Protein backbone atom coordinates (compact mmCIF):
# COMPACT_ATOMS: atom_id res chain seq x y z
CA UNK A 1 66.89 -118.38 -43.78
CA UNK A 2 66.69 -115.77 -46.60
CA UNK A 3 70.08 -114.52 -47.92
CA UNK A 4 70.67 -110.84 -47.01
CA UNK A 5 71.01 -108.47 -50.05
CA UNK A 6 74.43 -106.87 -50.58
CA UNK A 7 75.03 -103.74 -48.35
CA UNK A 8 75.29 -101.61 -51.49
CA UNK A 9 72.01 -102.75 -52.80
CA UNK A 10 70.28 -102.01 -49.50
CA UNK A 11 72.17 -98.57 -49.35
CA UNK A 12 70.87 -97.62 -52.72
CA UNK A 13 67.35 -98.49 -51.92
CA UNK A 14 67.68 -96.48 -48.66
CA UNK A 15 68.91 -93.47 -50.63
CA UNK A 16 66.09 -93.99 -53.09
CA UNK A 17 63.45 -94.03 -50.38
CA UNK A 18 64.90 -90.96 -48.87
CA UNK A 19 64.71 -89.05 -52.17
CA UNK A 20 61.25 -90.36 -52.76
CA UNK A 21 60.14 -89.19 -49.28
CA UNK A 22 61.73 -85.84 -49.92
CA UNK A 23 59.87 -85.41 -53.19
CA UNK A 24 56.61 -86.40 -51.92
CA UNK A 25 56.83 -84.13 -48.99
CA UNK A 26 58.06 -81.39 -51.51
CA UNK A 27 54.87 -81.98 -53.60
CA UNK A 28 52.71 -81.91 -50.37
CA UNK A 29 54.67 -78.62 -49.37
CA UNK A 30 53.84 -77.05 -52.92
CA UNK A 31 50.13 -77.93 -52.46
CA UNK A 32 49.92 -76.87 -48.92
CA UNK A 33 51.38 -73.39 -49.87
CA UNK A 34 48.84 -72.90 -52.51
CA UNK A 35 46.27 -73.11 -49.59
CA UNK A 36 48.23 -70.92 -47.45
CA UNK A 37 48.97 -68.39 -50.14
CA UNK A 38 45.17 -68.01 -50.44
CA UNK A 39 44.80 -67.30 -46.70
CA UNK A 40 47.48 -64.70 -46.74
CA UNK A 41 49.30 -63.68 -49.85
CA UNK A 42 51.00 -61.06 -47.76
CA UNK A 43 52.79 -63.87 -45.77
CA UNK A 44 54.35 -64.84 -49.03
CA UNK A 45 54.81 -61.42 -50.73
CA UNK A 46 56.25 -59.55 -47.76
CA UNK A 47 57.05 -62.25 -45.35
CA UNK A 48 58.96 -64.43 -47.69
CA UNK A 49 59.96 -61.76 -50.01
CA UNK A 50 58.19 -63.19 -53.11
CA UNK A 51 57.24 -59.55 -54.08
CA UNK A 52 60.60 -59.50 -55.72
CA UNK A 53 60.31 -62.84 -57.57
CA UNK A 54 60.15 -62.78 -61.30
CA UNK A 55 57.82 -65.89 -61.12
CA UNK A 56 54.06 -65.57 -61.18
CA UNK A 57 52.81 -65.60 -57.67
CA UNK A 58 51.31 -69.25 -57.66
CA UNK A 59 54.43 -70.62 -59.08
CA UNK A 60 56.68 -68.83 -56.75
CA UNK A 61 54.65 -70.06 -53.78
CA UNK A 62 54.64 -73.68 -55.12
CA UNK A 63 58.45 -73.47 -55.46
CA UNK A 64 58.74 -72.12 -51.94
CA UNK A 65 56.40 -74.78 -50.47
CA UNK A 66 58.29 -77.66 -52.53
CA UNK A 67 61.64 -76.59 -51.14
CA UNK A 68 60.35 -76.38 -47.65
CA UNK A 69 58.98 -79.89 -47.74
CA UNK A 70 62.09 -81.64 -49.07
CA UNK A 71 63.96 -81.67 -45.63
CA UNK A 72 60.92 -82.66 -43.78
CA UNK A 73 60.32 -85.81 -46.08
CA UNK A 74 63.92 -86.62 -46.03
CA UNK A 75 63.92 -86.26 -42.03
CA UNK A 76 60.82 -88.44 -41.70
CA UNK A 77 61.94 -91.08 -44.18
CA UNK A 78 65.61 -91.30 -42.82
CA UNK A 79 64.43 -91.57 -39.13
CA UNK A 80 61.85 -94.10 -40.29
CA UNK A 81 64.72 -96.20 -42.03
CA UNK A 82 66.92 -96.06 -38.91
CA UNK A 83 63.87 -97.21 -36.83
CA UNK A 84 63.02 -99.87 -39.10
CA UNK A 85 66.62 -101.38 -39.01
CA UNK A 86 66.64 -101.41 -35.27
CA UNK A 87 63.19 -103.03 -34.58
CA UNK A 88 61.22 -105.86 -36.18
CA UNK A 89 58.17 -104.30 -34.62
CA UNK A 90 58.40 -101.15 -36.60
CA UNK A 91 55.32 -100.27 -38.79
CA UNK A 92 55.47 -97.42 -41.30
CA UNK A 93 51.82 -96.94 -40.88
CA UNK A 94 51.82 -96.48 -37.19
CA UNK A 95 54.96 -94.23 -37.75
CA UNK A 96 53.32 -91.95 -40.18
CA UNK A 97 49.97 -91.89 -38.29
CA UNK A 98 51.76 -90.68 -35.10
CA UNK A 99 53.60 -87.90 -37.02
CA UNK A 100 50.34 -86.85 -38.46
CA UNK A 101 48.74 -86.81 -35.05
CA UNK A 102 51.43 -84.45 -33.87
CA UNK A 103 51.27 -82.36 -36.94
CA UNK A 104 47.48 -82.19 -36.44
CA UNK A 105 47.82 -80.95 -32.91
CA UNK A 106 50.46 -78.30 -33.85
CA UNK A 107 48.32 -77.23 -36.87
CA UNK A 108 45.33 -76.69 -34.25
CA UNK A 109 47.50 -74.89 -31.62
CA UNK A 110 50.25 -72.90 -33.52
CA UNK A 111 47.97 -70.53 -35.75
CA UNK A 112 45.67 -69.82 -32.82
CA UNK A 113 48.45 -69.01 -30.43
CA UNK A 114 50.31 -66.86 -33.02
CA UNK A 115 47.01 -64.93 -33.82
CA UNK A 116 46.32 -64.46 -30.17
CA UNK A 117 49.87 -63.65 -29.00
CA UNK A 118 51.22 -61.71 -31.88
CA UNK A 119 54.95 -62.32 -30.86
CA UNK A 120 56.34 -60.36 -33.49
CA UNK A 121 54.25 -57.18 -33.30
CA UNK A 122 52.93 -57.67 -36.80
CA UNK A 123 49.57 -55.87 -35.97
CA UNK A 124 51.22 -52.80 -34.83
CA UNK A 125 53.78 -52.94 -37.52
CA UNK A 126 51.18 -53.10 -40.21
CA UNK A 127 49.06 -50.39 -39.12
CA UNK A 128 48.19 -48.11 -42.09
CA UNK A 129 50.09 -50.45 -44.60
CA UNK A 130 47.60 -53.35 -44.74
CA UNK A 131 43.77 -53.41 -44.49
CA UNK A 132 42.07 -54.45 -41.42
CA UNK A 133 42.22 -58.23 -40.78
CA UNK A 134 45.20 -58.81 -43.09
CA UNK A 135 47.67 -58.88 -40.21
CA UNK A 136 45.58 -61.57 -38.55
CA UNK A 137 45.56 -63.77 -41.52
CA UNK A 138 49.34 -63.27 -41.84
CA UNK A 139 49.77 -64.28 -38.33
CA UNK A 140 47.48 -67.44 -38.71
CA UNK A 141 49.51 -68.32 -41.90
CA UNK A 142 52.77 -67.84 -40.05
CA UNK A 143 51.25 -70.10 -37.32
CA UNK A 144 50.27 -72.74 -39.86
CA UNK A 145 53.81 -72.94 -41.21
CA UNK A 146 55.42 -73.04 -37.89
CA UNK A 147 52.94 -75.90 -36.82
CA UNK A 148 53.98 -77.87 -39.86
CA UNK A 149 57.62 -77.86 -38.80
CA UNK A 150 56.98 -78.17 -35.12
CA UNK A 151 54.37 -80.95 -35.52
CA UNK A 152 56.73 -83.14 -37.75
CA UNK A 153 59.66 -82.37 -35.52
CA UNK A 154 57.74 -83.45 -32.37
CA UNK A 155 56.35 -86.35 -34.17
CA UNK A 156 59.86 -87.57 -35.32
CA UNK A 157 61.34 -86.79 -31.67
CA UNK A 158 58.65 -88.73 -29.79
CA UNK A 159 58.78 -91.74 -32.10
CA UNK A 160 62.27 -91.30 -33.32
CA UNK A 161 63.75 -93.14 -30.37
CA UNK A 162 64.45 -96.81 -30.83
CA UNK A 163 61.68 -99.27 -29.47
CA UNK A 164 62.27 -100.76 -26.10
CA UNK A 165 63.57 -104.27 -26.51
CA UNK A 166 61.25 -106.70 -25.27
CA UNK A 167 62.20 -108.56 -21.95
CA UNK A 168 62.06 -112.44 -22.80
CA UNK A 169 62.85 -115.16 -20.42
CA UNK A 170 65.23 -117.45 -22.37
CA UNK A 171 63.72 -120.53 -20.73
CA UNK A 172 60.30 -119.65 -22.06
CA UNK A 173 61.28 -118.45 -25.42
CA UNK A 174 60.71 -121.21 -28.13
CA UNK A 175 62.86 -119.52 -30.80
CA UNK A 176 65.69 -119.17 -28.30
CA UNK A 177 65.19 -122.95 -27.59
CA UNK A 178 65.28 -123.79 -31.29
CA UNK A 179 68.48 -121.70 -31.90
CA UNK A 180 70.16 -123.43 -28.88
CA UNK A 181 69.34 -126.96 -30.25
CA UNK A 182 70.55 -125.83 -33.70
CA UNK A 183 73.90 -125.08 -32.23
CA UNK A 184 73.89 -128.50 -30.45
CA UNK A 185 73.51 -130.26 -33.67
CA UNK A 186 69.97 -131.05 -32.83
CA UNK A 187 67.20 -130.12 -35.30
């Protein structure tokens, strides 16, 4: 039996893991927003208010994406740590793959739904102010961003519950038998 690390050491590693997860997602958010800033600069300039920013456009977009990614990374890492502590069967790889699958589904659905439904009346509100097609790109960009948050949230909620405990018959469980013998003084 391996000795357990002191609780303070474990807690510090968990805090560092959450920080690392947040920073990694922040970096992804900064890169992601460079792509979406290309799709619709208006989404950031008008929708996010970056027209008033003193920073150059690309830097302001990156900073916005970085800040948006931080809580997502902390959420995914924090819930993953909770799940790992509760189940020996937890796998970071399968956890992240399932979140990515939910993210991909949301990224496929949300932009299409946003552009098709225009729930905020962007096309009508932008008549005469934006060139033709700009409102659709704005809506697609809005849907992409909504899809990221929705996909991560759905992925965490679907896989954020603890894994069901396996039903084991103690009479057939060899590890339970060994533990029982150890308590009896038999090795």
